[in-house]
Amino acid sequence: MPRAGLNRNRVAEEAAVMSDEVGLSRLTLATLAERLGVRQPSLYKHIDSMAGLHRDIAVHAKRALGEVLARASVGRSGPDAIAAMSHAYRDWAVTHPARYAASNLMPAPGDVEDEAVSVAAIQVIADVLTAYRLEGDDAVDAIRAFRSTLHGFVSYETAGAFRWSADVDVDRSFDRLVRGFIAALDSWAETSGHTLTTHLTTIGEDHDDRT
């Protein structure tokens, strides 16, 4: 019997749940229709294609991840907010591997809704990093580094890449990674390209003086 109140958002939500169960690449319209209690042609009232469904899953996932990060950081600031947000990010990604993969899909040009939810999730990170008074390029670099750090770790973890060193606790490794990033933020502005170039030049001059 068809489910009442079926709409595009409901289809995307159910598809997102299914994708975590079977994998994004193995999700089919036939199995989704069966789960929703409708015939497959009925899905086309709410989606235009499998690619469109993947897009809707991505929007749903990005919105969910942004909300998770916002809840984790609310009422916190500085290192406490970054640590809480990092652990919330990892927990969500590990629990929802397919949705996490979808959350990293880039919006199509002109897709206003997808662009908005993508920016909203990044804005949560940017807001937390304001405690370190980073501006301009320094802020952009820090946001990119934070996202890359977390994405790299959880991508390896969800792929099972850490099983080769199973004797070392993964939680411990993640804690140290987060603490290391927080420590780096304290002197983040000092690592800008101009400062680093000046520092290397000084080292070179000191070396010339000693030779």
Protein backbone atom coordinates (compact mmCIF):
# COMPACT_ATOMS: atom_id res chain seq x y z
CA MET A 1 0.00 0.00 0.00
CA PRO A 2 1.49 3.40 -0.96
CA ARG A 3 2.67 5.56 1.88
CA ALA A 4 0.71 8.73 2.49
CA GLY A 5 2.44 12.07 2.17
CA LEU A 6 5.16 10.94 -0.19
CA ASN A 7 7.12 13.88 -1.58
CA ARG A 8 10.57 14.72 -2.89
CA ASN A 9 12.04 15.30 0.57
CA ARG A 10 10.58 12.06 1.93
CA VAL A 11 11.99 10.12 -1.01
CA ALA A 12 15.44 11.67 -0.45
CA GLU A 13 15.36 10.88 3.28
CA GLU A 14 14.49 7.22 2.68
CA ALA A 15 17.07 6.97 -0.09
CA ALA A 16 19.70 8.41 2.24
CA VAL A 17 18.94 5.81 4.89
CA MET A 18 19.02 3.02 2.31
CA SER A 19 22.31 4.25 0.88
CA ASP A 20 23.97 3.78 4.26
CA GLU A 21 22.61 0.25 4.42
CA VAL A 22 23.54 -0.95 0.93
CA GLY A 23 26.02 1.64 -0.36
CA LEU A 24 25.37 4.64 -2.57
CA SER A 25 26.46 2.83 -5.74
CA ARG A 26 24.13 -0.12 -5.04
CA LEU A 27 21.04 1.94 -4.39
CA THR A 28 18.43 1.33 -7.09
CA LEU A 29 15.12 2.95 -7.88
CA ALA A 30 13.44 -0.47 -7.85
CA THR A 31 14.45 -1.26 -4.27
CA LEU A 32 13.69 2.29 -3.16
CA ALA A 33 10.21 2.11 -4.67
CA GLU A 34 9.59 -1.22 -2.96
CA ARG A 35 10.67 0.23 0.36
CA LEU A 36 8.39 3.22 -0.06
CA GLY A 37 5.48 1.00 -1.04
CA VAL A 38 5.02 2.43 -4.52
CA ARG A 39 5.63 1.32 -8.09
CA GLN A 40 8.90 2.52 -9.60
CA PRO A 41 7.24 4.84 -12.16
CA SER A 42 5.61 6.67 -9.24
CA LEU A 43 9.04 7.82 -8.07
CA TYR A 44 9.37 10.00 -11.16
CA LYS A 45 6.76 12.28 -9.70
CA HIS A 46 9.38 13.25 -7.13
CA ILE A 47 12.74 12.72 -8.89
CA ASP A 48 13.89 13.07 -12.47
CA SER A 49 16.68 10.47 -12.56
CA MET A 50 19.13 8.47 -10.46
CA ALA A 51 21.58 11.35 -10.80
CA GLY A 52 18.88 13.65 -9.47
CA LEU A 53 18.29 11.32 -6.55
CA HIS A 54 22.00 11.33 -5.72
CA ARG A 55 21.89 15.11 -5.78
CA ASP A 56 18.94 15.12 -3.37
CA ILE A 57 20.76 12.68 -1.06
CA ALA A 58 23.78 14.99 -1.13
CA VAL A 59 21.67 18.02 -0.19
CA HIS A 60 20.03 16.04 2.62
CA ALA A 61 23.44 14.84 3.85
CA LYS A 62 25.07 18.28 3.77
CA ARG A 63 22.19 19.77 5.69
CA ALA A 64 22.34 16.98 8.28
CA LEU A 65 26.10 17.30 8.71
CA GLY A 66 25.84 21.07 9.10
CA GLU A 67 23.21 20.63 11.80
CA VAL A 68 25.38 18.07 13.60
CA LEU A 69 28.36 20.45 13.62
CA ALA A 70 26.21 23.36 14.79
CA ARG A 71 24.74 21.36 17.69
CA ALA A 72 28.17 20.15 18.72
CA SER A 73 29.69 23.63 18.83
CA VAL A 74 26.80 25.59 20.34
CA GLY A 75 27.71 27.11 23.71
CA ARG A 76 31.38 26.29 23.19
CA SER A 77 34.33 28.26 21.89
CA GLY A 78 37.99 27.85 21.04
CA PRO A 79 39.61 24.43 21.57
CA ASP A 80 36.51 23.03 23.26
CA ALA A 81 34.32 23.88 20.26
CA ILE A 82 36.83 22.50 17.75
CA ALA A 83 37.22 19.24 19.68
CA ALA A 84 33.46 18.78 20.06
CA MET A 85 32.86 19.58 16.40
CA SER A 86 35.64 17.23 15.27
CA HIS A 87 34.27 14.29 17.23
CA ALA A 88 30.73 14.99 16.04
CA TYR A 89 31.97 15.10 12.44
CA ARG A 90 33.77 11.79 12.79
CA ASP A 91 30.89 10.07 14.59
CA TRP A 92 28.38 11.16 11.95
CA ALA A 93 30.64 10.18 9.05
CA VAL A 94 31.38 6.72 10.46
CA THR A 95 27.72 6.10 11.29
CA HIS A 96 26.52 7.34 7.88
CA PRO A 97 29.27 6.36 5.40
CA ALA A 98 27.21 6.68 2.22
CA ARG A 99 25.62 9.94 3.28
CA TYR A 100 29.07 11.21 4.21
CA ALA A 101 30.35 10.31 0.73
CA ALA A 102 27.37 12.13 -0.78
CA SER A 103 28.06 15.19 1.37
CA ASN A 104 31.33 15.64 -0.50
CA LEU A 105 29.70 15.83 -3.93
CA MET A 106 30.12 19.27 -5.46
CA PRO A 107 26.99 21.26 -6.34
CA ALA A 108 26.17 21.59 -10.02
CA PRO A 109 26.62 25.13 -11.35
CA GLY A 110 23.54 27.17 -10.60
CA ASP A 111 22.10 24.72 -8.04
CA VAL A 112 21.20 27.35 -5.46
CA GLU A 113 19.85 24.96 -2.83
CA ASP A 114 22.87 22.65 -2.96
CA GLU A 115 25.25 25.61 -2.84
CA ALA A 116 23.41 27.05 0.15
CA VAL A 117 23.60 23.91 2.29
CA SER A 118 27.23 23.41 1.27
CA VAL A 119 28.14 26.92 2.40
CA ALA A 120 26.09 26.62 5.59
CA ALA A 121 28.10 23.63 6.80
CA ILE A 122 31.38 25.40 6.08
CA GLN A 123 30.10 28.54 7.80
CA VAL A 124 29.72 26.61 11.07
CA ILE A 125 33.42 25.79 10.91
CA ALA A 126 34.27 29.38 10.01
CA ASP A 127 32.27 30.69 12.96
CA VAL A 128 34.12 28.43 15.40
CA LEU A 129 37.50 29.48 14.02
CA THR A 130 36.73 33.17 14.61
CA ALA A 131 37.92 32.60 18.18
CA TYR A 132 41.45 32.51 16.76
CA ARG A 133 41.01 35.91 15.08
CA LEU A 134 42.03 34.64 11.67
CA GLU A 135 41.21 36.84 8.72
CA GLY A 136 41.38 36.68 4.95
CA ASP A 137 43.65 34.02 3.51
CA ASP A 138 44.65 32.79 6.97
CA ALA A 139 41.01 31.97 7.75
CA VAL A 140 40.45 30.25 4.40
CA ASP A 141 43.61 28.18 4.83
CA ALA A 142 42.56 27.14 8.33
CA ILE A 143 39.09 26.08 7.18
CA ARG A 144 40.58 24.05 4.34
CA ALA A 145 43.12 22.44 6.66
CA PHE A 146 40.45 21.56 9.21
CA ARG A 147 38.16 19.97 6.63
CA SER A 148 41.05 18.13 4.97
CA THR A 149 42.31 16.83 8.30
CA LEU A 150 38.96 15.39 9.34
CA HIS A 151 38.07 14.12 5.87
CA GLY A 152 41.38 12.34 5.47
CA PHE A 153 41.05 10.54 8.78
CA VAL A 154 37.43 9.46 8.45
CA SER A 155 37.91 8.43 4.82
CA TYR A 156 40.71 6.08 5.80
CA GLU A 157 38.73 4.85 8.79
CA THR A 158 35.53 4.10 6.87
CA ALA A 159 37.57 2.37 4.16
CA GLY A 160 39.12 0.07 6.78
CA ALA A 161 42.62 1.39 6.13
CA PHE A 162 43.55 1.42 9.83
CA ARG A 163 43.13 -2.32 10.27
CA TRP A 164 46.82 -2.82 9.48
CA SER A 165 47.68 -1.19 12.81
CA ALA A 166 44.79 -2.55 14.86
CA ASP A 167 46.93 -2.74 18.00
CA VAL A 168 46.88 1.09 18.24
CA ASP A 169 43.56 2.54 19.41
CA VAL A 170 41.93 4.58 16.62
CA ASP A 171 40.18 6.89 19.10
CA ARG A 172 43.55 7.74 20.60
CA SER A 173 44.97 8.56 17.19
CA PHE A 174 42.02 10.81 16.40
CA ASP A 175 42.30 12.62 19.73
CA ARG A 176 45.96 13.35 19.04
CA LEU A 177 45.15 14.55 15.54
CA VAL A 178 42.58 17.01 16.84
CA ARG A 179 44.85 18.22 19.63
CA GLY A 180 47.64 18.71 17.11
CA PHE A 181 45.42 20.83 14.86
CA ILE A 182 44.26 22.91 17.82
CA ALA A 183 47.89 23.50 18.82
CA ALA A 184 48.71 24.55 15.26
CA LEU A 185 45.93 27.15 15.32
CA ASP A 186 47.66 29.04 18.13
CA SER A 187 50.39 30.05 15.70
CA TRP A 188 48.47 29.70 12.45
CA ALA A 189 49.04 33.24 11.22
CA GLU A 190 52.79 32.75 11.66
CA THR A 191 52.78 29.99 9.06
CA SER A 192 51.58 32.20 6.22
CA GLY A 193 53.53 32.04 2.97
CA HIS A 194 55.18 35.43 3.53
CA THR A 195 56.31 34.56 7.05
CA LEU A 196 57.55 31.13 6.00
CA THR A 197 59.50 32.58 3.06
CA THR A 198 61.07 35.18 5.33
CA HIS A 199 61.95 32.48 7.86
CA LEU A 200 63.58 30.28 5.22
CA THR A 201 65.50 33.24 3.84
CA THR A 202 66.81 34.03 7.32
CA ILE A 203 67.90 30.42 7.76
CA GLY A 204 69.69 30.57 4.43
CA GLU A 205 71.48 33.77 5.38
CA ASP A 206 72.54 32.30 8.71
CA HIS A 207 73.85 29.24 6.90
CA ASP A 208 75.86 31.43 4.47
CA ASP A 209 77.39 33.30 7.38
CA ARG A 210 78.59 30.05 8.91
CA THR A 211 80.16 28.75 5.69
